[in-house]
Amino acid sequence: MPYSENQLRCLESMGLVPWIARNGDARNGDTRTEVERNGTEISLQPLATSPQQTTSVEAPSFETLPLIGIPFRGNTVMSLGNQDAALLVLVEPVSTTQKQFPFESPDAKLFDDMLRGISWRRQEICLGVVSRLDSQLPGTVDTNATVADLTKAPREAVLVFSHRLPESENPDDLRIFFQRKQMPVWQIPHPALLRESPARKRQAWNVLKAARACLQ
């Protein structure tokens, strides 16, 4: 896909370099080239491949998890952004001491860069905070609102920003299956996890591309 100057800048802030294949697939021994901003191409050696080790993680039933109230303009709301958006983004809180929902400041900037890198804006998604810490977050959980309430709208895809997920870079290994089978749901590294483990940025980028392809 072609990248705009703004997308390239956001990708660089994520520590990612856009790659394109030339003369076939690098997995078959072909070379890949890096496209620089001035349009020149630099021939690189074939990418080394290594078997992925997938960590088995028992995924909870996200649809039944409670939503955390988000302070917004003097009120508490259960979601932000476009309520009818095709893409639903669910975010796990960083910790019981988190001061700002859905993201603390350093994570919010990285999250926005991720969206811009794949040509999305916050206004184009529905964003909710889901608790996997349940009772450890007193006063912030509305037990009457669950993830299932946010999926009643005609969503086409869901991203779950998580702290615990397999290490595989294959988006298919990061799928979660909701009750509505035709709606693809992916786990994706939380920005806080990306800051701690920069090697997972490739994993996050692959999931973003899969979600973008689904919505297109």
C-alpha atoms as a PDB file:
ATOM      1  CA  MET A   1       0.000   0.000   0.000  1.00  0.00           C
ATOM      2  CA  PRO A   2       1.256   3.569  -0.651  1.00  0.00           C
ATOM      3  CA  TYR A   3       2.249   5.537   2.423  1.00  0.00           C
ATOM      4  CA  SER A   4       1.714   9.249   2.946  1.00  0.00           C
ATOM      5  CA  GLU A   5       4.277  11.432   4.691  1.00  0.00           C
ATOM      6  CA  ASN A   6       2.103  11.482   7.824  1.00  0.00           C
ATOM      7  CA  GLN A   7       1.777   7.677   7.849  1.00  0.00           C
ATOM      8  CA  LEU A   8       5.537   7.221   7.441  1.00  0.00           C
ATOM      9  CA  ARG A   9       6.165   9.586  10.354  1.00  0.00           C
ATOM     10  CA  CYS A  10       3.728   7.663  12.574  1.00  0.00           C
ATOM     11  CA  LEU A  11       5.226   4.319  11.542  1.00  0.00           C
ATOM     12  CA  GLU A  12       8.688   5.598  12.398  1.00  0.00           C
ATOM     13  CA  SER A  13       7.479   6.658  15.855  1.00  0.00           C
ATOM     14  CA  MET A  14       6.272   3.069  16.333  1.00  0.00           C
ATOM     15  CA  GLY A  15       9.687   1.752  15.332  1.00  0.00           C
ATOM     16  CA  LEU A  16       8.344   0.194  12.125  1.00  0.00           C
ATOM     17  CA  VAL A  17       9.672   0.312   8.581  1.00  0.00           C
ATOM     18  CA  PRO A  18       7.257  -0.361   5.703  1.00  0.00           C
ATOM     19  CA  TRP A  19       8.366  -3.222   3.463  1.00  0.00           C
ATOM     20  CA  ILE A  20       7.261  -4.231   0.007  1.00  0.00           C
ATOM     21  CA  ALA A  21       7.980  -7.487  -1.791  1.00  0.00           C
ATOM     22  CA  ARG A  22       9.837  -7.532  -5.103  1.00  0.00           C
ATOM     23  CA  ASN A  23       9.917 -10.526  -7.505  1.00  0.00           C
ATOM     24  CA  GLY A  24       7.893 -12.780  -5.291  1.00  0.00           C
ATOM     25  CA  ASP A  25       7.897 -13.639  -1.627  1.00  0.00           C
ATOM     26  CA  ALA A  26      10.947 -13.258   0.576  1.00  0.00           C
ATOM     27  CA  ARG A  27      10.013 -16.477   2.299  1.00  0.00           C
ATOM     28  CA  ASN A  28      10.966 -18.226  -0.948  1.00  0.00           C
ATOM     29  CA  GLY A  29      14.439 -16.698  -0.932  1.00  0.00           C
ATOM     30  CA  ASP A  30      13.689 -13.484  -2.837  1.00  0.00           C
ATOM     31  CA  THR A  31      14.998 -10.131  -1.694  1.00  0.00           C
ATOM     32  CA  ARG A  32      12.918  -7.277  -0.333  1.00  0.00           C
ATOM     33  CA  THR A  33      13.407  -3.592  -0.784  1.00  0.00           C
ATOM     34  CA  GLU A  34      12.926  -0.696   1.550  1.00  0.00           C
ATOM     35  CA  VAL A  35      11.111   2.251  -0.004  1.00  0.00           C
ATOM     36  CA  GLU A  36      12.577   5.506   1.200  1.00  0.00           C
ATOM     37  CA  ARG A  37      10.701   8.805   1.168  1.00  0.00           C
ATOM     38  CA  ASN A  38      12.614  10.048  -1.860  1.00  0.00           C
ATOM     39  CA  GLY A  39      11.398   7.075  -3.887  1.00  0.00           C
ATOM     40  CA  THR A  40      14.740   5.261  -4.124  1.00  0.00           C
ATOM     41  CA  GLU A  41      14.996   1.579  -3.326  1.00  0.00           C
ATOM     42  CA  ILE A  42      17.736  -0.205  -1.430  1.00  0.00           C
ATOM     43  CA  SER A  43      18.200  -3.913  -2.103  1.00  0.00           C
ATOM     44  CA  LEU A  44      18.347  -5.959   1.077  1.00  0.00           C
ATOM     45  CA  GLN A  45      19.200  -9.555   1.855  1.00  0.00           C
ATOM     46  CA  PRO A  46      16.388 -12.107   2.161  1.00  0.00           C
ATOM     47  CA  LEU A  47      14.590 -11.899   5.476  1.00  0.00           C
ATOM     48  CA  ALA A  48      15.495 -14.694   7.823  1.00  0.00           C
ATOM     49  CA  THR A  49      12.595 -16.769   8.970  1.00  0.00           C
ATOM     50  CA  SER A  50      12.258 -18.664  12.196  1.00  0.00           C
ATOM     51  CA  PRO A  51       9.430 -20.775  13.546  1.00  0.00           C
ATOM     52  CA  GLN A  52       7.049 -18.808  15.710  1.00  0.00           C
ATOM     53  CA  GLN A  53       6.450 -19.994  19.238  1.00  0.00           C
ATOM     54  CA  THR A  54       2.889 -19.358  20.247  1.00  0.00           C
ATOM     55  CA  THR A  55       2.146 -19.037  23.931  1.00  0.00           C
ATOM     56  CA  SER A  56      -1.109 -20.625  24.927  1.00  0.00           C
ATOM     57  CA  VAL A  57      -3.304 -18.030  26.632  1.00  0.00           C
ATOM     58  CA  GLU A  58      -6.766 -18.854  27.855  1.00  0.00           C
ATOM     59  CA  ALA A  59      -8.949 -16.089  26.467  1.00  0.00           C
ATOM     60  CA  PRO A  60     -11.818 -15.051  28.731  1.00  0.00           C
ATOM     61  CA  SER A  61     -15.321 -14.501  27.462  1.00  0.00           C
ATOM     62  CA  PHE A  62     -14.839 -10.851  26.552  1.00  0.00           C
ATOM     63  CA  GLU A  63     -18.515 -10.390  25.759  1.00  0.00           C
ATOM     64  CA  THR A  64     -19.467 -10.845  29.413  1.00  0.00           C
ATOM     65  CA  LEU A  65     -16.730  -8.635  30.880  1.00  0.00           C
ATOM     66  CA  PRO A  66     -17.878  -5.346  32.447  1.00  0.00           C
ATOM     67  CA  LEU A  67     -17.051  -1.983  30.943  1.00  0.00           C
ATOM     68  CA  ILE A  68     -15.249   0.718  32.906  1.00  0.00           C
ATOM     69  CA  GLY A  69     -16.770   4.182  33.033  1.00  0.00           C
ATOM     70  CA  ILE A  70     -14.678   6.776  31.169  1.00  0.00           C
ATOM     71  CA  PRO A  71     -14.673  10.360  32.522  1.00  0.00           C
ATOM     72  CA  PHE A  72     -15.614  12.639  29.632  1.00  0.00           C
ATOM     73  CA  ARG A  73     -16.637  16.313  29.787  1.00  0.00           C
ATOM     74  CA  GLY A  74     -17.849  16.080  33.355  1.00  0.00           C
ATOM     75  CA  ASN A  75     -19.807  12.875  32.787  1.00  0.00           C
ATOM     76  CA  THR A  76     -19.060   9.161  32.841  1.00  0.00           C
ATOM     77  CA  VAL A  77     -19.545   7.384  29.523  1.00  0.00           C
ATOM     78  CA  MET A  78     -19.148   3.739  28.572  1.00  0.00           C
ATOM     79  CA  SER A  79     -17.602   4.427  25.171  1.00  0.00           C
ATOM     80  CA  LEU A  80     -15.949   7.219  23.185  1.00  0.00           C
ATOM     81  CA  GLY A  81     -15.897   8.145  19.523  1.00  0.00           C
ATOM     82  CA  ASN A  82     -18.374   7.098  16.849  1.00  0.00           C
ATOM     83  CA  GLN A  83     -21.052   4.929  18.431  1.00  0.00           C
ATOM     84  CA  ASP A  84     -21.953   3.471  15.016  1.00  0.00           C
ATOM     85  CA  ALA A  85     -18.375   2.844  13.891  1.00  0.00           C
ATOM     86  CA  ALA A  86     -17.627  -0.380  12.043  1.00  0.00           C
ATOM     87  CA  LEU A  87     -14.491  -0.855  14.173  1.00  0.00           C
ATOM     88  CA  LEU A  88     -14.804  -1.409  17.925  1.00  0.00           C
ATOM     89  CA  VAL A  89     -11.644  -0.968  20.018  1.00  0.00           C
ATOM     90  CA  LEU A  90     -11.565  -2.466  23.506  1.00  0.00           C
ATOM     91  CA  VAL A  91      -8.759  -1.505  25.881  1.00  0.00           C
ATOM     92  CA  GLU A  92      -7.607  -3.202  29.063  1.00  0.00           C
ATOM     93  CA  PRO A  93      -6.606  -0.830  31.874  1.00  0.00           C
ATOM     94  CA  VAL A  94      -2.891  -0.583  32.610  1.00  0.00           C
ATOM     95  CA  SER A  95      -3.246  -1.187  36.353  1.00  0.00           C
ATOM     96  CA  THR A  96      -5.397  -0.472  39.383  1.00  0.00           C
ATOM     97  CA  THR A  97      -3.584   2.868  39.728  1.00  0.00           C
ATOM     98  CA  GLN A  98      -4.385   4.111  36.232  1.00  0.00           C
ATOM     99  CA  LYS A  99      -5.304   7.794  36.431  1.00  0.00           C
ATOM    100  CA  GLN A 100      -6.613   8.347  32.915  1.00  0.00           C
ATOM    101  CA  PHE A 101      -8.947   6.209  30.790  1.00  0.00           C
ATOM    102  CA  PRO A 102      -8.668   4.791  28.215  1.00  0.00           C
ATOM    103  CA  PHE A 103      -4.904   5.442  28.045  1.00  0.00           C
ATOM    104  CA  GLU A 104      -2.278   7.132  30.140  1.00  0.00           C
ATOM    105  CA  SER A 105      -0.518   9.968  28.287  1.00  0.00           C
ATOM    106  CA  PRO A 106       2.510   8.034  26.880  1.00  0.00           C
ATOM    107  CA  ASP A 107       0.246   5.207  25.726  1.00  0.00           C
ATOM    108  CA  ALA A 108      -2.307   7.603  24.224  1.00  0.00           C
ATOM    109  CA  LYS A 109       0.304   9.117  21.903  1.00  0.00           C
ATOM    110  CA  LEU A 110       1.476   5.704  20.707  1.00  0.00           C
ATOM    111  CA  PHE A 111      -2.134   4.598  20.205  1.00  0.00           C
ATOM    112  CA  ASP A 112      -2.867   7.657  18.062  1.00  0.00           C
ATOM    113  CA  ASP A 113       0.284   6.984  16.019  1.00  0.00           C
ATOM    114  CA  MET A 114      -0.883   3.419  15.441  1.00  0.00           C
ATOM    115  CA  LEU A 115      -4.246   4.652  14.174  1.00  0.00           C
ATOM    116  CA  ARG A 116      -2.702   7.263  11.900  1.00  0.00           C
ATOM    117  CA  GLY A 117      -0.208   4.735  10.574  1.00  0.00           C
ATOM    118  CA  ILE A 118      -3.072   2.625   9.251  1.00  0.00           C
ATOM    119  CA  SER A 119      -5.156   5.675   8.163  1.00  0.00           C
ATOM    120  CA  TRP A 120      -7.698   5.694  11.005  1.00  0.00           C
ATOM    121  CA  ARG A 121      -8.728   8.477  13.345  1.00  0.00           C
ATOM    122  CA  ARG A 122     -10.284   8.253  16.796  1.00  0.00           C
ATOM    123  CA  GLN A 123     -13.441   9.806  15.362  1.00  0.00           C
ATOM    124  CA  GLU A 124     -13.808   6.769  13.097  1.00  0.00           C
ATOM    125  CA  ILE A 125     -13.845   4.133  15.841  1.00  0.00           C
ATOM    126  CA  CYS A 126     -15.839   3.269  18.939  1.00  0.00           C
ATOM    127  CA  LEU A 127     -13.561   2.986  21.959  1.00  0.00           C
ATOM    128  CA  GLY A 128     -14.344   1.277  25.253  1.00  0.00           C
ATOM    129  CA  VAL A 129     -12.387   0.171  28.333  1.00  0.00           C
ATOM    130  CA  VAL A 130     -12.952  -3.374  29.508  1.00  0.00           C
ATOM    131  CA  SER A 131     -11.994  -4.664  32.934  1.00  0.00           C
ATOM    132  CA  ARG A 132     -10.068  -7.861  33.402  1.00  0.00           C
ATOM    133  CA  LEU A 133      -9.224  -6.623  36.888  1.00  0.00           C
ATOM    134  CA  ASP A 134     -12.899  -6.551  37.881  1.00  0.00           C
ATOM    135  CA  SER A 135     -13.187  -6.177  41.664  1.00  0.00           C
ATOM    136  CA  GLN A 136      -9.755  -4.507  41.877  1.00  0.00           C
ATOM    137  CA  LEU A 137     -11.249  -1.380  40.305  1.00  0.00           C
ATOM    138  CA  PRO A 138     -13.866  -0.237  42.833  1.00  0.00           C
ATOM    139  CA  GLY A 139     -16.151   2.563  41.736  1.00  0.00           C
ATOM    140  CA  THR A 140     -15.108   2.452  38.085  1.00  0.00           C
ATOM    141  CA  VAL A 141     -17.107  -0.534  36.849  1.00  0.00           C
ATOM    142  CA  ASP A 142     -20.719  -0.268  35.769  1.00  0.00           C
ATOM    143  CA  THR A 143     -21.928  -3.833  36.244  1.00  0.00           C
ATOM    144  CA  ASN A 144     -24.941  -3.137  34.032  1.00  0.00           C
ATOM    145  CA  ALA A 145     -22.765  -2.508  30.963  1.00  0.00           C
ATOM    146  CA  THR A 146     -20.730  -5.249  29.295  1.00  0.00           C
ATOM    147  CA  VAL A 147     -18.753  -5.711  26.106  1.00  0.00           C
ATOM    148  CA  ALA A 148     -21.814  -7.366  24.588  1.00  0.00           C
ATOM    149  CA  ASP A 149     -23.614  -4.017  24.767  1.00  0.00           C
ATOM    150  CA  LEU A 150     -20.985  -2.416  22.525  1.00  0.00           C
ATOM    151  CA  THR A 151     -21.192  -5.219  19.978  1.00  0.00           C
ATOM    152  CA  LYS A 152     -24.929  -4.780  19.404  1.00  0.00           C
ATOM    153  CA  ALA A 153     -24.183  -2.110  16.811  1.00  0.00           C
ATOM    154  CA  PRO A 154     -23.350  -3.364  13.286  1.00  0.00           C
ATOM    155  CA  ARG A 155     -19.625  -3.779  13.952  1.00  0.00           C
ATOM    156  CA  GLU A 156     -17.437  -5.301  11.269  1.00  0.00           C
ATOM    157  CA  ALA A 157     -14.317  -5.917  13.374  1.00  0.00           C
ATOM    158  CA  VAL A 158     -13.046  -5.669  16.951  1.00  0.00           C
ATOM    159  CA  LEU A 159      -9.556  -5.016  18.312  1.00  0.00           C
ATOM    160  CA  VAL A 160      -8.764  -5.884  21.934  1.00  0.00           C
ATOM    161  CA  PHE A 161      -5.675  -4.057  23.239  1.00  0.00           C
ATOM    162  CA  SER A 162      -4.331  -6.563  25.724  1.00  0.00           C
ATOM    163  CA  HIS A 163      -1.357  -7.075  28.037  1.00  0.00           C
ATOM    164  CA  ARG A 164      -1.457 -10.880  27.803  1.00  0.00           C
ATOM    165  CA  LEU A 165      -1.528 -12.478  24.379  1.00  0.00           C
ATOM    166  CA  PRO A 166       0.445 -14.976  22.276  1.00  0.00           C
ATOM    167  CA  GLU A 167       3.724 -13.816  20.770  1.00  0.00           C
ATOM    168  CA  SER A 168       2.889 -15.000  17.266  1.00  0.00           C
ATOM    169  CA  GLU A 169       3.054 -12.434  14.447  1.00  0.00           C
ATOM    170  CA  ASN A 170       0.344 -14.297  12.543  1.00  0.00           C
ATOM    171  CA  PRO A 171      -2.972 -12.437  13.040  1.00  0.00           C
ATOM    172  CA  ASP A 172      -4.867 -15.724  12.786  1.00  0.00           C
ATOM    173  CA  ASP A 173      -3.186 -16.863  16.016  1.00  0.00           C
ATOM    174  CA  LEU A 174      -4.503 -13.743  17.769  1.00  0.00           C
ATOM    175  CA  ARG A 175      -8.168 -14.233  16.924  1.00  0.00           C
ATOM    176  CA  ILE A 176     -10.848 -14.360  19.615  1.00  0.00           C
ATOM    177  CA  PHE A 177     -14.226 -15.770  18.691  1.00  0.00           C
ATOM    178  CA  PHE A 178     -17.264 -13.882  19.890  1.00  0.00           C
ATOM    179  CA  GLN A 179     -20.756 -15.268  19.735  1.00  0.00           C
ATOM    180  CA  ARG A 180     -21.257 -13.508  16.406  1.00  0.00           C
ATOM    181  CA  LYS A 181     -18.836 -15.648  14.403  1.00  0.00           C
ATOM    182  CA  GLN A 182     -18.821 -13.489  11.278  1.00  0.00           C
ATOM    183  CA  MET A 183     -17.371 -10.538  13.219  1.00  0.00           C
ATOM    184  CA  PRO A 184     -13.561 -10.958  13.383  1.00  0.00           C
ATOM    185  CA  VAL A 185     -11.958 -10.119  16.727  1.00  0.00           C
ATOM    186  CA  TRP A 186      -8.206  -9.778  17.208  1.00  0.00           C
ATOM    187  CA  GLN A 187      -6.038  -9.321  20.255  1.00  0.00           C
ATOM    188  CA  ILE A 188      -3.354  -6.672  19.772  1.00  0.00           C
ATOM    189  CA  PRO A 189      -0.540  -5.539  22.111  1.00  0.00           C
ATOM    190  CA  HIS A 190      -1.484  -2.691  24.425  1.00  0.00           C
ATOM    191  CA  PRO A 191       0.662   0.439  23.862  1.00  0.00           C
ATOM    192  CA  ALA A 192       2.118  -0.033  27.348  1.00  0.00           C
ATOM    193  CA  LEU A 193       3.227  -3.532  26.333  1.00  0.00           C
ATOM    194  CA  LEU A 194       4.733  -2.160  23.115  1.00  0.00           C
ATOM    195  CA  ARG A 195       6.780   0.353  25.088  1.00  0.00           C
ATOM    196  CA  GLU A 196       8.067  -2.459  27.306  1.00  0.00           C
ATOM    197  CA  SER A 197       8.586  -4.941  24.446  1.00  0.00           C
ATOM    198  CA  PRO A 198       9.364  -3.060  21.204  1.00  0.00           C
ATOM    199  CA  ALA A 199       9.813  -6.382  19.372  1.00  0.00           C
ATOM    200  CA  ARG A 200       6.031  -6.786  19.468  1.00  0.00           C
ATOM    201  CA  LYS A 201       5.503  -3.762  17.209  1.00  0.00           C
ATOM    202  CA  ARG A 202       5.644  -5.992  14.147  1.00  0.00           C
ATOM    203  CA  GLN A 203       2.932  -8.128  15.728  1.00  0.00           C
ATOM    204  CA  ALA A 204       0.752  -5.064  16.304  1.00  0.00           C
ATOM    205  CA  TRP A 205       1.286  -3.824  12.760  1.00  0.00           C
ATOM    206  CA  ASN A 206       0.248  -7.180  11.262  1.00  0.00           C
ATOM    207  CA  VAL A 207      -2.990  -7.114  13.254  1.00  0.00           C
ATOM    208  CA  LEU A 208      -3.720  -3.535  12.186  1.00  0.00           C
ATOM    209  CA  LYS A 209      -3.233  -4.493   8.541  1.00  0.00           C
ATOM    210  CA  ALA A 210      -5.547  -7.502   8.945  1.00  0.00           C
ATOM    211  CA  ALA A 211      -8.264  -5.325  10.483  1.00  0.00           C
ATOM    212  CA  ARG A 212      -7.865  -2.663   7.804  1.00  0.00           C
ATOM    213  CA  ALA A 213      -8.149  -5.284   5.055  1.00  0.00           C
ATOM    214  CA  CYS A 214     -11.304  -6.648   6.697  1.00  0.00           C
ATOM    215  CA  LEU A 215     -12.945  -3.232   6.821  1.00  0.00           C
ATOM    216  CA  GLN A 216     -11.986  -2.434   3.246  1.00  0.00           C
END
